[in-house]
Amino acid sequence: MSWAAANTDDRVVSFSCESGVRLSSRATLGAYEELLSREFGGRIVNADLGRRLLAELVGTALLVVFGAGAVVAALEVGHGQLDYAGLGIIGFSFALVIAAVVYMFGTTSGAHINPAVTFSLAVVRRFPWVEVIPYFVAQLVGAVIGAVLINAIFGSHASDLNVSGGTVVGAGFTKGQAVVAEGLGTFLLLATIMALAVDRRAPAGFAGLVIGLAVACEIMVIGPISGGSVNPARTFGPYLATDIFGGSTPWSELWIYWAGPLVGGALAALAYDLIAQPERAAAAAAAEAPQGTAGDVEGRRVLPEDGRAAPESNPTTEGR
């Protein structure tokens, strides 16, 4: 998956058949496969950097408002208490907003909306390192905006409800356990992204939904331990907003939500490349594809200029 547009070599292969049906096939080859091109009808991510950064900012803000915001809403309804059923609703809300953002901005910026995703893709050379910091900044700013909006919606007392919907180490668990939990949760997330958004062998159209469900899954398991962040921006935004609105912020725990996701995500991307070898499989498939059938095939009956059907004994051989 290449989040930035790759150089491609477009070739049109044409031939005709004896029945008079003229066929054309377009085969597109490139140094890297475009991220989400299967998911969005083959369109590539080629927006200029400014628009991509804006998409990351807006997407991450939406993630925080409707993801972390669900934490605040659940605590409001539960009068400050959160049971396991409430945790499941939070996970479902995260799944829906992530799926929505992926389908909104997947063809614009790749819809990383998570520094761990950006970093991990750069590690496996699916994203340019020169754009990692700009993406980080856009994601962090978007997360802060989203967390400020949570406080605007629920009132400034939202800063006292689990740090504006942020994540903290659960009672009875250590910081070491929380780091491992965050690493495992992000491993699941990145492995899912690699399988459904990077690997072109994956079925088209399911990436956004299944990636969202992977996040819901990890929240249901590691939520009681670390909050199930798997996203440094998702934790940083509510922390800063809590400070802005006068709440108490556990800044000493922030490193957990950087170290765990960055390491776990990078390991997942590397492991998937090593085990599934999507680039080698794609190259082998391209090499073995019969000429003229590597892409979409179009067909139409070629008629003489006077509009009458061509005689079967004299089929056209015109190709395009």
Protein backbone atom coordinates (compact mmCIF):
# COMPACT_ATOMS: atom_id res chain seq x y z
CA MET A 1 0.00 0.00 0.00
CA SER A 2 1.50 3.27 -1.05
CA TRP A 3 -0.32 6.24 0.51
CA ALA A 4 1.43 8.63 -1.84
CA ALA A 5 0.80 8.24 -5.54
CA ALA A 6 3.29 5.95 -7.25
CA ASN A 7 4.64 6.28 -10.77
CA THR A 8 2.75 3.94 -13.06
CA ASP A 9 3.15 2.59 -16.53
CA ASP A 10 -0.27 2.38 -18.20
CA ARG A 11 -0.52 0.07 -21.18
CA VAL A 12 -3.57 -0.64 -23.32
CA VAL A 13 -3.73 -4.07 -24.85
CA SER A 14 -6.18 -4.52 -27.76
CA PHE A 15 -7.21 -7.45 -29.87
CA SER A 16 -10.18 -8.68 -31.84
CA CYS A 17 -11.89 -12.01 -32.03
CA GLU A 18 -13.55 -13.86 -34.88
CA SER A 19 -17.07 -13.10 -33.67
CA GLY A 20 -16.61 -9.44 -34.46
CA VAL A 21 -16.48 -8.33 -30.80
CA ARG A 22 -13.74 -5.79 -30.25
CA LEU A 23 -12.06 -5.98 -26.86
CA SER A 24 -9.78 -3.71 -24.98
CA SER A 25 -7.93 -4.25 -21.70
CA ARG A 26 -6.00 -1.77 -19.57
CA ALA A 27 -3.19 -3.10 -17.40
CA THR A 28 -1.75 -0.72 -14.85
CA LEU A 29 1.62 -1.55 -13.42
CA GLY A 30 3.64 0.42 -10.86
CA ALA A 31 6.50 0.38 -8.40
CA TYR A 32 4.03 0.18 -5.52
CA GLU A 33 0.35 -0.66 -5.37
CA GLU A 34 -1.81 2.29 -4.34
CA LEU A 35 -3.35 2.11 -0.89
CA LEU A 36 -7.07 1.41 -0.94
CA SER A 37 -7.20 1.41 -4.75
CA ARG A 38 -9.22 -1.80 -4.65
CA GLU A 39 -11.50 -0.37 -2.01
CA PHE A 40 -12.38 2.71 -4.01
CA GLY A 41 -12.78 1.51 -7.58
CA GLY A 42 -9.11 1.63 -8.51
CA ARG A 43 -8.77 5.37 -7.83
CA ILE A 44 -5.41 6.37 -6.44
CA VAL A 45 -4.44 8.59 -3.52
CA ASN A 46 -3.01 11.59 -5.35
CA ALA A 47 -4.29 14.69 -3.58
CA ASP A 48 -1.79 17.44 -2.85
CA LEU A 49 -0.24 17.43 0.61
CA GLY A 50 -2.35 20.31 1.92
CA ARG A 51 -5.62 18.56 1.17
CA ARG A 52 -4.33 15.29 2.55
CA LEU A 53 -3.33 16.96 5.81
CA LEU A 54 -6.73 18.63 6.06
CA ALA A 55 -8.38 15.24 5.54
CA GLU A 56 -6.25 13.76 8.34
CA LEU A 57 -7.12 16.65 10.65
CA VAL A 58 -10.87 16.41 10.02
CA GLY A 59 -10.86 12.62 10.13
CA THR A 60 -9.01 12.48 13.44
CA ALA A 61 -11.31 15.14 14.92
CA LEU A 62 -14.32 13.02 13.94
CA LEU A 63 -12.70 9.95 15.44
CA VAL A 64 -12.24 11.71 18.78
CA VAL A 65 -15.68 13.35 18.86
CA PHE A 66 -17.59 10.15 18.11
CA GLY A 67 -15.13 7.70 19.65
CA ALA A 68 -13.79 9.33 22.79
CA GLY A 69 -17.08 11.23 22.97
CA ALA A 70 -18.84 7.88 23.38
CA VAL A 71 -16.80 7.34 26.56
CA VAL A 72 -18.07 10.62 28.01
CA ALA A 73 -21.65 9.82 26.93
CA ALA A 74 -21.50 6.37 28.56
CA LEU A 75 -20.19 7.88 31.79
CA GLU A 76 -22.92 10.53 31.70
CA VAL A 77 -25.62 7.90 31.33
CA GLY A 78 -24.01 5.68 33.96
CA HIS A 79 -23.58 8.55 36.42
CA GLY A 80 -19.82 8.18 36.38
CA GLN A 81 -19.79 4.37 36.21
CA LEU A 82 -18.87 2.30 33.17
CA ASP A 83 -19.83 -1.37 32.98
CA TYR A 84 -18.76 -3.91 30.38
CA ALA A 85 -21.90 -3.41 28.30
CA GLY A 86 -21.05 0.29 28.13
CA LEU A 87 -17.55 -0.61 27.00
CA GLY A 88 -19.06 -2.64 24.17
CA ILE A 89 -21.16 0.34 23.03
CA ILE A 90 -18.00 2.49 23.05
CA GLY A 91 -16.22 -0.08 20.90
CA PHE A 92 -19.14 -0.14 18.46
CA SER A 93 -19.10 3.67 18.22
CA PHE A 94 -15.39 3.61 17.40
CA ALA A 95 -16.01 0.96 14.74
CA LEU A 96 -18.69 3.03 13.03
CA VAL A 97 -16.78 6.32 12.98
CA ILE A 98 -13.57 4.66 11.77
CA ALA A 99 -15.44 2.94 8.93
CA ALA A 100 -17.11 6.23 8.01
CA VAL A 101 -13.83 8.17 7.96
CA VAL A 102 -12.08 5.50 5.89
CA TYR A 103 -14.80 5.70 3.26
CA MET A 104 -14.82 9.52 3.43
CA PHE A 105 -11.12 10.21 3.10
CA GLY A 106 -9.52 6.95 2.03
CA THR A 107 -8.90 8.22 -1.49
CA THR A 108 -7.73 11.64 -0.28
CA SER A 109 -5.18 10.95 2.46
CA GLY A 110 -5.42 7.22 3.04
CA ALA A 111 -7.38 7.93 6.27
CA HIS A 112 -4.58 7.03 8.65
CA ILE A 113 -6.09 9.18 11.48
CA ASN A 114 -3.51 7.56 13.76
CA PRO A 115 0.24 8.26 14.13
CA ALA A 116 0.86 4.56 14.73
CA VAL A 117 -0.59 3.74 11.30
CA THR A 118 1.49 6.42 9.58
CA PHE A 119 4.68 5.32 11.34
CA SER A 120 4.13 1.61 10.70
CA LEU A 121 3.47 2.12 6.99
CA ALA A 122 6.63 4.21 6.72
CA VAL A 123 8.60 1.42 8.38
CA VAL A 124 7.58 -1.01 5.63
CA ARG A 125 8.09 1.62 2.89
CA ARG A 126 4.41 2.12 2.13
CA PHE A 127 4.53 5.80 3.11
CA PRO A 128 7.26 8.45 2.59
CA TRP A 129 9.21 9.35 5.73
CA VAL A 130 9.32 13.00 4.68
CA GLU A 131 5.54 13.23 5.22
CA VAL A 132 5.42 11.41 8.57
CA ILE A 133 5.85 14.54 10.73
CA PRO A 134 3.26 16.60 8.78
CA TYR A 135 0.78 13.75 9.16
CA PHE A 136 1.56 13.50 12.89
CA VAL A 137 0.93 17.22 13.35
CA ALA A 138 -2.37 17.12 11.45
CA GLN A 139 -3.55 14.11 13.45
CA LEU A 140 -2.60 15.63 16.81
CA VAL A 141 -4.23 18.97 16.00
CA GLY A 142 -7.37 17.18 14.81
CA ALA A 143 -7.49 15.16 18.02
CA VAL A 144 -7.23 18.30 20.15
CA ILE A 145 -10.02 19.96 18.16
CA GLY A 146 -12.19 16.88 18.61
CA ALA A 147 -11.56 16.78 22.36
CA VAL A 148 -12.35 20.49 22.71
CA LEU A 149 -15.63 19.85 20.87
CA ILE A 150 -16.44 17.08 23.37
CA ASN A 151 -16.12 19.62 26.17
CA ALA A 152 -18.22 22.09 24.18
CA ILE A 153 -20.96 19.49 23.75
CA PHE A 154 -21.04 18.00 27.23
CA GLY A 155 -19.81 21.02 29.17
CA SER A 156 -16.51 21.63 30.88
CA HIS A 157 -17.26 18.91 33.42
CA ALA A 158 -16.45 16.45 30.61
CA SER A 159 -12.82 17.00 31.58
CA ASP A 160 -13.60 15.15 34.80
CA LEU A 161 -15.19 12.20 32.99
CA ASN A 162 -12.18 10.00 32.26
CA VAL A 163 -10.09 12.99 31.09
CA SER A 164 -12.49 14.13 28.35
CA GLY A 165 -12.97 10.58 27.16
CA GLY A 166 -9.26 9.86 27.13
CA THR A 167 -7.46 6.71 28.21
CA VAL A 168 -5.83 5.86 31.53
CA VAL A 169 -4.29 2.75 33.04
CA GLY A 170 -7.04 0.72 34.66
CA ALA A 171 -7.20 0.23 38.41
CA GLY A 172 -5.23 -2.81 39.49
CA PHE A 173 -3.03 -2.88 36.38
CA THR A 174 0.56 -1.72 35.98
CA LYS A 175 1.99 0.58 33.35
CA GLY A 176 3.97 -2.36 31.98
CA GLN A 177 0.77 -4.33 31.46
CA ALA A 178 -0.80 -1.33 29.77
CA VAL A 179 2.12 -0.97 27.33
CA VAL A 180 1.88 -4.64 26.35
CA ALA A 181 -1.89 -4.35 25.96
CA GLU A 182 -1.57 -1.31 23.71
CA GLY A 183 1.09 -3.06 21.65
CA LEU A 184 -1.11 -6.13 21.15
CA GLY A 185 -4.16 -4.05 20.29
CA THR A 186 -2.24 -2.06 17.70
CA PHE A 187 -0.75 -5.27 16.30
CA LEU A 188 -4.28 -6.44 15.56
CA LEU A 189 -5.18 -3.09 13.99
CA LEU A 190 -2.14 -2.90 11.69
CA ALA A 191 -2.33 -6.54 10.68
CA THR A 192 -5.94 -5.92 9.64
CA ILE A 193 -4.95 -2.80 7.69
CA MET A 194 -2.14 -4.65 5.94
CA ALA A 195 -4.44 -7.53 5.03
CA LEU A 196 -7.43 -5.52 3.81
CA ALA A 197 -6.08 -2.16 2.66
CA VAL A 198 -2.54 -3.01 1.53
CA ASP A 199 -2.76 -6.51 0.13
CA ARG A 200 -4.49 -6.35 -3.26
CA ARG A 201 -5.52 -9.98 -2.95
CA ALA A 202 -8.10 -8.92 -0.36
CA PRO A 203 -11.78 -8.71 -1.38
CA ALA A 204 -12.75 -5.17 -2.33
CA GLY A 205 -15.08 -2.97 -0.34
CA PHE A 206 -14.63 -4.33 3.18
CA ALA A 207 -11.57 -2.49 4.50
CA GLY A 208 -13.31 0.36 6.35
CA LEU A 209 -15.86 -1.86 8.06
CA VAL A 210 -13.46 -4.62 9.15
CA ILE A 211 -10.77 -2.18 10.30
CA GLY A 212 -13.40 -0.48 12.46
CA LEU A 213 -14.50 -3.82 13.87
CA ALA A 214 -10.87 -4.70 14.69
CA VAL A 215 -10.69 -1.55 16.82
CA ALA A 216 -13.96 -2.50 18.53
CA CYS A 217 -12.54 -5.95 19.23
CA GLU A 218 -9.37 -4.67 20.87
CA ILE A 219 -11.35 -2.15 22.97
CA MET A 220 -13.51 -4.96 24.35
CA VAL A 221 -10.43 -6.91 25.40
CA ILE A 222 -7.82 -4.37 26.51
CA GLY A 223 -10.20 -1.53 27.40
CA PRO A 224 -10.23 -2.43 31.11
CA ILE A 225 -6.41 -2.50 31.14
CA SER A 226 -5.36 0.61 29.20
CA GLY A 227 -8.53 2.08 27.73
CA GLY A 228 -7.82 0.50 24.33
CA SER A 229 -6.37 3.59 22.69
CA VAL A 230 -4.04 2.05 20.05
CA ASN A 231 -3.71 5.63 18.81
CA PRO A 232 -1.39 8.26 20.34
CA ALA A 233 -3.47 11.12 18.92
CA ARG A 234 -6.70 9.72 20.36
CA THR A 235 -5.11 9.89 23.83
CA PHE A 236 -3.17 13.14 23.41
CA GLY A 237 -6.17 15.21 22.28
CA PRO A 238 -8.34 14.53 25.35
CA TYR A 239 -5.33 14.98 27.64
CA LEU A 240 -4.61 18.48 26.32
CA ALA A 241 -8.30 19.44 26.28
CA THR A 242 -8.59 18.31 29.90
CA ASP A 243 -5.72 20.62 30.78
CA ILE A 244 -7.35 23.49 28.88
CA PHE A 245 -10.62 23.07 30.80
CA GLY A 246 -8.94 22.75 34.19
CA GLY A 247 -9.11 19.00 34.74
CA SER A 248 -6.47 16.67 36.12
CA THR A 249 -4.41 15.05 33.38
CA PRO A 250 -2.22 11.94 33.91
CA TRP A 251 0.61 13.16 31.68
CA SER A 252 2.95 10.61 33.25
CA GLU A 253 1.02 7.88 31.38
CA LEU A 254 1.18 9.46 27.91
CA TRP A 255 4.36 7.59 26.96
CA ILE A 256 2.41 4.31 27.23
CA TYR A 257 0.16 5.38 24.37
CA TRP A 258 3.10 6.21 22.14
CA ALA A 259 5.46 3.34 22.92
CA GLY A 260 2.91 0.51 22.79
CA PRO A 261 1.15 1.51 19.53
CA LEU A 262 4.31 2.49 17.62
CA VAL A 263 6.14 -0.73 18.48
CA GLY A 264 3.12 -3.01 18.12
CA GLY A 265 2.06 -1.45 14.82
CA ALA A 266 5.52 -1.61 13.28
CA LEU A 267 5.93 -5.25 14.30
CA ALA A 268 2.57 -6.11 12.76
CA ALA A 269 3.43 -4.45 9.44
CA LEU A 270 6.81 -6.16 9.30
CA ALA A 271 5.34 -9.53 10.27
CA TYR A 272 2.63 -9.32 7.62
CA ASP A 273 5.16 -8.44 4.92
CA LEU A 274 7.34 -11.36 6.01
CA ILE A 275 4.57 -13.94 6.28
CA ALA A 276 2.04 -12.98 3.59
CA GLN A 277 4.51 -11.34 1.17
CA PRO A 278 1.89 -9.20 -0.62
CA GLU A 279 4.39 -7.53 -2.97
CA ARG A 280 5.86 -10.82 -4.16
CA ALA A 281 2.40 -12.29 -4.70
CA ALA A 282 1.29 -9.21 -6.65
CA ALA A 283 4.40 -9.32 -8.82
CA ALA A 284 3.92 -13.03 -9.52
CA ALA A 285 0.27 -12.51 -10.43
CA ALA A 286 1.17 -9.69 -12.82
CA ALA A 287 3.87 -11.80 -14.47
CA GLU A 288 1.55 -14.76 -14.96
CA ALA A 289 -1.50 -12.82 -16.15
CA PRO A 290 -2.38 -13.64 -19.79
CA GLN A 291 -1.98 -10.71 -22.15
CA GLY A 292 -5.19 -8.74 -22.62
CA THR A 293 -6.90 -9.97 -19.45
CA ALA A 294 -4.96 -8.11 -16.77
CA GLY A 295 -7.59 -5.40 -16.38
CA ASP A 296 -11.18 -4.49 -17.14
CA VAL A 297 -12.44 -5.95 -20.39
CA GLU A 298 -14.86 -4.04 -22.59
CA GLY A 299 -16.74 -5.52 -25.52
CA ARG A 300 -19.00 -4.21 -28.29
CA ARG A 301 -20.25 -5.43 -31.64
CA VAL A 302 -18.61 -3.59 -34.55
CA LEU A 303 -21.10 -2.75 -37.32
CA PRO A 304 -20.50 -1.52 -40.88
CA GLU A 305 -21.04 2.17 -41.55
CA ASP A 306 -24.51 1.60 -43.02
CA GLY A 307 -25.66 0.21 -39.64
CA ARG A 308 -26.28 -3.36 -40.81
CA ALA A 309 -24.74 -6.26 -38.96
CA ALA A 310 -21.43 -7.46 -40.30
CA PRO A 311 -21.64 -10.75 -42.27
CA GLU A 312 -20.53 -13.68 -40.20
CA SER A 313 -18.18 -14.77 -42.98
CA ASN A 314 -16.28 -11.48 -42.85
CA PRO A 315 -15.73 -10.58 -39.18
CA THR A 316 -13.93 -7.37 -38.37
CA THR A 317 -10.35 -7.57 -37.26
CA GLU A 318 -10.05 -3.98 -36.16
CA GLY A 319 -8.53 -3.70 -32.70
CA ARG A 320 -8.13 -0.96 -30.19
